[in-house]
Amino acid sequence: MRIDEDRLELTRQLHALVVDYWHDVDTNWGRNATDWYTDDAEFVGDANTYKGKDKIRAFYKWREDRGDRTVIHSVHNFRAEYDGGPDRAICNWFMFLTAADGKPVLETQLPIQIAHMTDRMVKSGDDWLVAYRKFDPWFMGGIPTTNPNLDDD
């Protein structure tokens, strides 16, 4: 099978973007997370959906305010392709989520979730932004994920 060089470059760029996003979430409480989203983005979790930057920001603030938690979002089997034009892309990948309350060093845990992820990306100027991110859990176990209901605000 022939490698599509344009798709390969798109995959390289968007994979780096996704890894940088989760690095911020894991090491900086996601304080910069909304920089990766469009204003009207949807973040569709397994328990709740957060629509727009304000709700996404509130989700990450809630996570930080609840106390110490050590989290690793690992990105695996990443693939990207253009979706109807050069300024739209769809990405699918697997996220292995390992998490527990407390500060490191913690006891080793199996992933608490393995989710098939779908990202719809749009290009704004020179930047790719997430317009839609969906978690579709394939495996769950152990420690629960963090999912506040922000509609009760």
N, C-alpha and C. Protein backbone atom coordinates (compact mmCIF):
# COMPACT_ATOMS: atom_id res chain seq x y z
N MET A 1 0.85 -1.18 0.00
CA MET A 1 0.00 0.00 0.00
C MET A 1 0.90 1.24 0.00
N ARG A 2 0.53 2.21 -0.81
CA ARG A 2 1.29 3.45 -0.95
C ARG A 2 0.96 4.39 0.22
N ILE A 3 1.98 5.04 0.74
CA ILE A 3 1.79 6.03 1.81
C ILE A 3 1.41 7.36 1.19
N ASP A 4 0.33 7.94 1.67
CA ASP A 4 -0.11 9.26 1.24
C ASP A 4 0.68 10.28 2.06
N GLU A 5 1.59 10.99 1.42
CA GLU A 5 2.48 11.92 2.12
C GLU A 5 1.70 13.05 2.80
N ASP A 6 0.63 13.54 2.19
CA ASP A 6 -0.17 14.60 2.82
C ASP A 6 -0.83 14.10 4.10
N ARG A 7 -1.38 12.88 4.04
CA ARG A 7 -2.01 12.30 5.23
C ARG A 7 -0.97 12.01 6.30
N LEU A 8 0.21 11.56 5.90
CA LEU A 8 1.28 11.30 6.84
C LEU A 8 1.68 12.58 7.58
N GLU A 9 1.80 13.67 6.87
CA GLU A 9 2.14 14.96 7.49
C GLU A 9 1.01 15.44 8.39
N LEU A 10 -0.23 15.29 7.96
CA LEU A 10 -1.37 15.66 8.80
C LEU A 10 -1.35 14.84 10.08
N THR A 11 -1.14 13.54 9.97
CA THR A 11 -1.09 12.67 11.15
C THR A 11 0.02 13.11 12.09
N ARG A 12 1.19 13.42 11.55
CA ARG A 12 2.31 13.87 12.37
C ARG A 12 1.95 15.13 13.15
N GLN A 13 1.39 16.11 12.46
CA GLN A 13 1.04 17.38 13.11
C GLN A 13 -0.04 17.20 14.17
N LEU A 14 -1.10 16.49 13.84
CA LEU A 14 -2.21 16.36 14.78
C LEU A 14 -1.87 15.43 15.94
N HIS A 15 -1.06 14.43 15.70
CA HIS A 15 -0.60 13.57 16.80
C HIS A 15 0.20 14.40 17.79
N ALA A 16 1.10 15.24 17.31
CA ALA A 16 1.89 16.11 18.20
C ALA A 16 0.96 17.05 18.99
N LEU A 17 -0.04 17.58 18.33
CA LEU A 17 -0.98 18.48 19.00
C LEU A 17 -1.73 17.76 20.12
N VAL A 18 -2.22 16.55 19.85
CA VAL A 18 -2.95 15.78 20.86
C VAL A 18 -2.04 15.41 22.03
N VAL A 19 -0.83 14.99 21.74
CA VAL A 19 0.12 14.65 22.81
C VAL A 19 0.43 15.88 23.66
N ASP A 20 0.62 17.04 23.03
CA ASP A 20 0.88 18.26 23.80
C ASP A 20 -0.31 18.64 24.67
N TYR A 21 -1.51 18.47 24.15
CA TYR A 21 -2.72 18.76 24.93
C TYR A 21 -2.75 17.90 26.20
N TRP A 22 -2.60 16.58 26.04
CA TRP A 22 -2.69 15.70 27.20
C TRP A 22 -1.52 15.89 28.15
N HIS A 23 -0.38 16.31 27.64
CA HIS A 23 0.74 16.64 28.52
C HIS A 23 0.36 17.81 29.43
N ASP A 24 -0.30 18.83 28.87
CA ASP A 24 -0.76 19.95 29.70
C ASP A 24 -1.78 19.47 30.73
N VAL A 25 -2.69 18.62 30.33
CA VAL A 25 -3.70 18.10 31.27
C VAL A 25 -3.02 17.32 32.39
N ASP A 26 -2.05 16.48 32.05
CA ASP A 26 -1.43 15.61 33.05
C ASP A 26 -0.43 16.32 33.95
N THR A 27 0.21 17.37 33.47
CA THR A 27 1.27 18.02 34.25
C THR A 27 0.93 19.43 34.70
N ASN A 28 -0.16 19.99 34.20
CA ASN A 28 -0.51 21.38 34.49
C ASN A 28 -2.00 21.54 34.75
N TRP A 29 -2.66 20.46 35.15
CA TRP A 29 -4.09 20.48 35.48
C TRP A 29 -4.98 20.92 34.30
N GLY A 30 -4.46 20.95 33.09
CA GLY A 30 -5.25 21.39 31.94
C GLY A 30 -5.55 22.87 31.97
N ARG A 31 -4.69 23.63 32.64
CA ARG A 31 -4.92 25.09 32.75
C ARG A 31 -4.92 25.78 31.39
N ASN A 32 -4.25 25.19 30.41
CA ASN A 32 -4.22 25.76 29.06
C ASN A 32 -5.10 24.98 28.08
N ALA A 33 -5.88 24.06 28.59
CA ALA A 33 -6.63 23.15 27.73
C ALA A 33 -7.50 23.86 26.71
N THR A 34 -8.14 24.94 27.10
CA THR A 34 -9.06 25.58 26.16
C THR A 34 -8.35 26.23 24.98
N ASP A 35 -7.03 26.40 25.06
CA ASP A 35 -6.28 26.92 23.91
C ASP A 35 -6.35 25.98 22.72
N TRP A 36 -6.67 24.72 22.94
CA TRP A 36 -6.72 23.72 21.88
C TRP A 36 -8.12 23.57 21.27
N TYR A 37 -9.11 24.32 21.76
CA TYR A 37 -10.49 24.13 21.33
C TYR A 37 -11.05 25.35 20.60
N THR A 38 -12.03 25.08 19.72
CA THR A 38 -12.82 26.17 19.14
C THR A 38 -13.74 26.72 20.23
N ASP A 39 -14.27 27.91 20.01
CA ASP A 39 -15.15 28.53 21.01
C ASP A 39 -16.39 27.68 21.30
N ASP A 40 -16.90 26.99 20.29
CA ASP A 40 -18.13 26.21 20.44
C ASP A 40 -17.87 24.69 20.51
N ALA A 41 -16.67 24.32 20.89
CA ALA A 41 -16.27 22.90 20.91
C ALA A 41 -17.17 22.07 21.82
N GLU A 42 -17.25 20.79 21.50
CA GLU A 42 -17.93 19.81 22.35
C GLU A 42 -16.91 18.80 22.85
N PHE A 43 -16.92 18.56 24.16
CA PHE A 43 -16.07 17.58 24.84
C PHE A 43 -17.03 16.54 25.39
N VAL A 44 -17.15 15.41 24.72
CA VAL A 44 -18.15 14.40 25.02
C VAL A 44 -17.50 13.27 25.83
N GLY A 45 -17.71 13.29 27.14
CA GLY A 45 -17.17 12.26 28.01
C GLY A 45 -18.12 11.09 28.13
N ASP A 46 -17.71 10.10 28.90
CA ASP A 46 -18.56 8.92 29.05
C ASP A 46 -19.74 9.17 29.98
N ALA A 47 -19.70 10.22 30.79
CA ALA A 47 -20.81 10.53 31.71
C ALA A 47 -21.45 11.89 31.43
N ASN A 48 -20.68 12.84 30.94
CA ASN A 48 -21.19 14.19 30.70
C ASN A 48 -20.58 14.78 29.44
N THR A 49 -21.26 15.79 28.90
CA THR A 49 -20.77 16.55 27.76
C THR A 49 -20.61 17.99 28.17
N TYR A 50 -19.49 18.58 27.77
CA TYR A 50 -19.21 19.99 28.07
C TYR A 50 -19.15 20.73 26.74
N LYS A 51 -20.02 21.72 26.57
CA LYS A 51 -20.11 22.47 25.32
C LYS A 51 -19.57 23.88 25.51
N GLY A 52 -18.60 24.22 24.68
CA GLY A 52 -18.01 25.56 24.72
C GLY A 52 -16.81 25.63 25.66
N LYS A 53 -15.96 26.61 25.37
CA LYS A 53 -14.73 26.77 26.15
C LYS A 53 -14.99 27.01 27.63
N ASP A 54 -16.04 27.76 27.96
CA ASP A 54 -16.32 28.04 29.38
C ASP A 54 -16.59 26.77 30.16
N LYS A 55 -17.38 25.85 29.60
CA LYS A 55 -17.68 24.59 30.29
C LYS A 55 -16.46 23.68 30.35
N ILE A 56 -15.66 23.67 29.28
CA ILE A 56 -14.44 22.86 29.28
C ILE A 56 -13.47 23.41 30.33
N ARG A 57 -13.32 24.72 30.38
CA ARG A 57 -12.46 25.35 31.40
C ARG A 57 -12.98 25.02 32.81
N ALA A 58 -14.29 25.09 33.00
CA ALA A 58 -14.88 24.78 34.32
C ALA A 58 -14.63 23.32 34.70
N PHE A 59 -14.68 22.41 33.73
CA PHE A 59 -14.39 21.01 34.01
C PHE A 59 -12.97 20.85 34.55
N TYR A 60 -11.99 21.43 33.86
CA TYR A 60 -10.61 21.29 34.32
C TYR A 60 -10.37 22.01 35.65
N LYS A 61 -11.02 23.12 35.87
CA LYS A 61 -10.90 23.82 37.16
C LYS A 61 -11.50 22.95 38.28
N TRP A 62 -12.64 22.34 38.02
CA TRP A 62 -13.26 21.44 38.99
C TRP A 62 -12.31 20.30 39.35
N ARG A 63 -11.66 19.72 38.33
CA ARG A 63 -10.71 18.63 38.59
C ARG A 63 -9.56 19.10 39.47
N GLU A 64 -9.03 20.27 39.20
CA GLU A 64 -7.93 20.80 40.00
C GLU A 64 -8.38 21.08 41.42
N ASP A 65 -9.56 21.67 41.58
CA ASP A 65 -10.06 22.07 42.90
C ASP A 65 -10.40 20.87 43.78
N ARG A 66 -10.65 19.71 43.20
CA ARG A 66 -11.04 18.55 44.02
C ARG A 66 -9.86 17.96 44.77
N GLY A 67 -8.63 18.33 44.42
CA GLY A 67 -7.46 17.89 45.17
C GLY A 67 -6.49 17.07 44.35
N ASP A 68 -5.44 16.62 45.03
CA ASP A 68 -4.35 15.92 44.36
C ASP A 68 -4.86 14.70 43.59
N ARG A 69 -4.41 14.61 42.35
CA ARG A 69 -4.73 13.46 41.50
C ARG A 69 -3.59 13.31 40.50
N THR A 70 -3.14 12.10 40.34
CA THR A 70 -2.09 11.80 39.38
C THR A 70 -2.74 11.10 38.20
N VAL A 71 -2.49 11.64 37.00
CA VAL A 71 -3.17 11.15 35.80
C VAL A 71 -2.18 11.04 34.65
N ILE A 72 -2.34 9.98 33.87
CA ILE A 72 -1.59 9.83 32.63
C ILE A 72 -2.58 9.46 31.54
N HIS A 73 -2.70 10.32 30.53
CA HIS A 73 -3.50 10.05 29.35
C HIS A 73 -2.53 9.65 28.24
N SER A 74 -2.47 8.36 27.91
CA SER A 74 -1.54 7.86 26.89
C SER A 74 -2.26 7.74 25.55
N VAL A 75 -1.65 8.28 24.52
CA VAL A 75 -2.21 8.30 23.17
C VAL A 75 -1.61 7.15 22.36
N HIS A 76 -2.48 6.28 21.80
CA HIS A 76 -2.02 5.11 21.06
C HIS A 76 -2.77 4.97 19.73
N ASN A 77 -2.09 4.36 18.75
CA ASN A 77 -2.68 4.01 17.46
C ASN A 77 -3.36 5.22 16.81
N PHE A 78 -2.67 6.32 16.80
CA PHE A 78 -3.23 7.58 16.28
C PHE A 78 -3.28 7.55 14.76
N ARG A 79 -4.41 7.97 14.25
CA ARG A 79 -4.55 8.13 12.80
C ARG A 79 -5.38 9.37 12.50
N ALA A 80 -5.05 10.04 11.42
CA ALA A 80 -5.77 11.25 11.01
C ALA A 80 -5.97 11.23 9.51
N GLU A 81 -7.05 11.87 9.08
CA GLU A 81 -7.29 12.04 7.65
C GLU A 81 -8.11 13.30 7.44
N TYR A 82 -7.96 13.87 6.27
CA TYR A 82 -8.75 15.05 5.94
C TYR A 82 -10.21 14.66 5.86
N ASP A 83 -11.07 15.61 6.22
CA ASP A 83 -12.51 15.34 6.31
C ASP A 83 -13.27 16.41 5.52
N GLY A 84 -13.24 16.29 4.20
CA GLY A 84 -14.00 17.20 3.35
C GLY A 84 -13.26 18.45 2.94
N GLY A 85 -11.98 18.54 3.19
CA GLY A 85 -11.21 19.70 2.76
C GLY A 85 -9.94 19.85 3.56
N PRO A 86 -9.07 20.76 3.13
CA PRO A 86 -7.77 20.92 3.77
C PRO A 86 -7.81 21.58 5.15
N ASP A 87 -8.99 22.08 5.54
CA ASP A 87 -9.10 22.76 6.84
C ASP A 87 -9.95 21.96 7.84
N ARG A 88 -10.22 20.70 7.52
CA ARG A 88 -10.98 19.83 8.42
C ARG A 88 -10.33 18.45 8.45
N ALA A 89 -10.30 17.87 9.64
CA ALA A 89 -9.70 16.55 9.78
C ALA A 89 -10.46 15.77 10.85
N ILE A 90 -10.38 14.47 10.73
CA ILE A 90 -10.91 13.58 11.76
C ILE A 90 -9.77 12.70 12.24
N CYS A 91 -9.68 12.54 13.54
CA CYS A 91 -8.64 11.72 14.15
C CYS A 91 -9.31 10.64 14.99
N ASN A 92 -8.77 9.45 14.92
CA ASN A 92 -9.18 8.36 15.80
C ASN A 92 -7.93 7.80 16.45
N TRP A 93 -8.07 7.46 17.71
CA TRP A 93 -6.95 6.93 18.47
C TRP A 93 -7.48 6.29 19.74
N PHE A 94 -6.62 5.62 20.46
CA PHE A 94 -7.00 5.03 21.74
C PHE A 94 -6.31 5.77 22.86
N MET A 95 -7.07 6.03 23.90
CA MET A 95 -6.51 6.64 25.10
C MET A 95 -6.51 5.60 26.21
N PHE A 96 -5.33 5.39 26.77
CA PHE A 96 -5.18 4.56 27.95
C PHE A 96 -5.07 5.52 29.12
N LEU A 97 -6.05 5.51 30.01
CA LEU A 97 -6.11 6.44 31.13
C LEU A 97 -5.74 5.72 32.42
N THR A 98 -4.67 6.17 33.04
CA THR A 98 -4.27 5.68 34.35
C THR A 98 -4.41 6.86 35.30
N ALA A 99 -5.12 6.67 36.43
CA ALA A 99 -5.36 7.78 37.34
C ALA A 99 -5.66 7.28 38.73
N ALA A 100 -5.28 8.09 39.70
CA ALA A 100 -5.61 7.82 41.09
C ALA A 100 -5.46 9.12 41.88
N ASP A 101 -6.26 9.26 42.91
CA ASP A 101 -6.12 10.42 43.79
C ASP A 101 -4.82 10.30 44.56
N GLY A 102 -4.17 11.44 44.76
CA GLY A 102 -2.91 11.49 45.51
C GLY A 102 -1.76 11.98 44.65
N LYS A 103 -0.64 12.22 45.32
CA LYS A 103 0.59 12.68 44.66
C LYS A 103 1.50 11.49 44.42
N PRO A 104 2.35 11.57 43.38
CA PRO A 104 3.31 10.50 43.14
C PRO A 104 4.30 10.41 44.32
N VAL A 105 4.80 9.31 44.60
CA VAL A 105 4.77 8.06 43.87
C VAL A 105 3.61 7.22 44.40
N LEU A 106 2.76 6.74 43.47
CA LEU A 106 1.63 5.90 43.80
C LEU A 106 1.90 4.47 43.35
N GLU A 107 1.11 3.55 43.89
CA GLU A 107 1.21 2.16 43.47
C GLU A 107 0.80 2.05 42.00
N THR A 108 1.50 1.21 41.26
CA THR A 108 1.20 1.00 39.86
C THR A 108 -0.22 0.46 39.70
N GLN A 109 -0.93 0.98 38.72
CA GLN A 109 -2.30 0.58 38.44
C GLN A 109 -2.45 0.21 36.96
N LEU A 110 -3.39 -0.66 36.68
CA LEU A 110 -3.80 -0.86 35.29
C LEU A 110 -4.58 0.38 34.85
N PRO A 111 -4.74 0.59 33.54
CA PRO A 111 -5.57 1.71 33.12
C PRO A 111 -6.98 1.60 33.70
N ILE A 112 -7.53 2.75 34.12
CA ILE A 112 -8.90 2.76 34.63
C ILE A 112 -9.90 2.87 33.48
N GLN A 113 -9.38 3.23 32.30
CA GLN A 113 -10.23 3.30 31.12
C GLN A 113 -9.36 3.18 29.88
N ILE A 114 -9.87 2.46 28.91
CA ILE A 114 -9.30 2.48 27.56
C ILE A 114 -10.45 2.90 26.66
N ALA A 115 -10.27 4.04 26.01
CA ALA A 115 -11.35 4.61 25.20
C ALA A 115 -10.90 4.79 23.76
N HIS A 116 -11.83 4.52 22.85
CA HIS A 116 -11.64 4.87 21.45
C HIS A 116 -12.03 6.34 21.33
N MET A 117 -11.13 7.14 20.82
CA MET A 117 -11.34 8.58 20.76
C MET A 117 -11.62 9.03 19.34
N THR A 118 -12.51 10.00 19.22
CA THR A 118 -12.78 10.63 17.94
C THR A 118 -12.64 12.14 18.13
N ASP A 119 -11.76 12.73 17.37
CA ASP A 119 -11.57 14.19 17.36
C ASP A 119 -11.92 14.71 15.97
N ARG A 120 -12.69 15.77 15.96
CA ARG A 120 -12.93 16.51 14.71
C ARG A 120 -12.19 17.82 14.86
N MET A 121 -11.26 18.06 13.94
CA MET A 121 -10.38 19.22 14.01
C MET A 121 -10.72 20.18 12.88
N VAL A 122 -10.52 21.47 13.17
CA VAL A 122 -10.67 22.50 12.15
C VAL A 122 -9.43 23.38 12.18
N LYS A 123 -9.06 23.85 11.02
CA LYS A 123 -7.89 24.72 10.93
C LYS A 123 -8.36 26.16 10.99
N SER A 124 -7.74 26.91 11.88
CA SER A 124 -8.03 28.33 12.07
C SER A 124 -6.72 29.08 11.89
N GLY A 125 -6.56 29.74 10.75
CA GLY A 125 -5.27 30.35 10.45
C GLY A 125 -4.25 29.25 10.28
N ASP A 126 -3.16 29.33 11.05
CA ASP A 126 -2.12 28.30 11.00
C ASP A 126 -2.33 27.19 12.03
N ASP A 127 -3.34 27.32 12.88
CA ASP A 127 -3.52 26.40 14.00
C ASP A 127 -4.67 25.43 13.76
N TRP A 128 -4.47 24.19 14.20
CA TRP A 128 -5.53 23.20 14.25
C TRP A 128 -6.17 23.26 15.63
N LEU A 129 -7.50 23.26 15.68
CA LEU A 129 -8.24 23.30 16.94
C LEU A 129 -9.24 22.14 16.98
N VAL A 130 -9.54 21.71 18.18
CA VAL A 130 -10.52 20.65 18.39
C VAL A 130 -11.91 21.26 18.39
N ALA A 131 -12.76 20.79 17.50
CA ALA A 131 -14.17 21.23 17.47
C ALA A 131 -15.05 20.22 18.20
N TYR A 132 -14.58 18.97 18.27
CA TYR A 132 -15.37 17.89 18.86
C TYR A 132 -14.41 16.81 19.32
N ARG A 133 -14.57 16.37 20.57
CA ARG A 133 -13.77 15.27 21.12
C ARG A 133 -14.71 14.33 21.84
N LYS A 134 -14.70 13.06 21.44
CA LYS A 134 -15.59 12.08 22.06
C LYS A 134 -14.81 10.89 22.60
N PHE A 135 -15.12 10.54 23.85
CA PHE A 135 -14.60 9.35 24.51
C PHE A 135 -15.63 8.23 24.33
N ASP A 136 -15.22 7.12 23.78
CA ASP A 136 -16.08 5.95 23.67
C ASP A 136 -15.38 4.81 24.42
N PRO A 137 -15.71 4.62 25.72
CA PRO A 137 -15.01 3.62 26.51
C PRO A 137 -15.19 2.21 25.94
N TRP A 138 -14.09 1.50 25.83
CA TRP A 138 -14.11 0.09 25.44
C TRP A 138 -13.82 -0.79 26.64
N PHE A 139 -13.03 -0.29 27.58
CA PHE A 139 -12.72 -1.01 28.82
C PHE A 139 -12.80 -0.03 29.97
N MET A 140 -13.37 -0.48 31.09
CA MET A 140 -13.45 0.33 32.31
C MET A 140 -13.08 -0.57 33.48
N GLY A 141 -12.56 0.05 34.53
CA GLY A 141 -12.28 -0.75 35.71
C GLY A 141 -11.51 0.02 36.74
N GLY A 142 -11.60 -0.47 37.95
CA GLY A 142 -10.82 0.13 39.03
C GLY A 142 -11.37 1.46 39.47
N ILE A 143 -10.55 2.45 39.39
CA ILE A 143 -10.85 3.79 39.92
C ILE A 143 -11.76 4.54 38.95
N PRO A 144 -12.81 5.21 39.46
CA PRO A 144 -13.70 5.94 38.55
C PRO A 144 -13.03 7.16 37.91
N THR A 145 -13.51 7.50 36.73
CA THR A 145 -13.06 8.74 36.08
C THR A 145 -13.72 9.92 36.79
N THR A 146 -13.23 11.12 36.52
CA THR A 146 -13.81 12.32 37.13
C THR A 146 -14.76 12.97 36.14
N ASN A 147 -16.02 13.11 36.53
CA ASN A 147 -17.06 13.61 35.63
C ASN A 147 -18.09 14.45 36.38
N PRO A 148 -17.81 15.72 36.62
CA PRO A 148 -18.81 16.55 37.29
C PRO A 148 -19.97 16.89 36.37
N ASN A 149 -21.12 17.11 36.92
CA ASN A 149 -22.26 17.61 36.16
C ASN A 149 -22.27 19.12 36.33
N LEU A 150 -21.78 19.83 35.33
CA LEU A 150 -21.66 21.29 35.42
C LEU A 150 -22.95 22.00 35.05
N ASP A 151 -23.98 21.26 34.64
CA ASP A 151 -25.26 21.89 34.32
C ASP A 151 -26.00 22.35 35.57
N ASP A 152 -25.57 21.87 36.74
CA ASP A 152 -26.22 22.26 38.00
C ASP A 152 -25.69 23.58 38.55
N ASP A 153 -24.73 24.20 37.82
CA ASP A 153 -24.15 25.47 38.29
C ASP A 153 -25.19 26.55 38.43
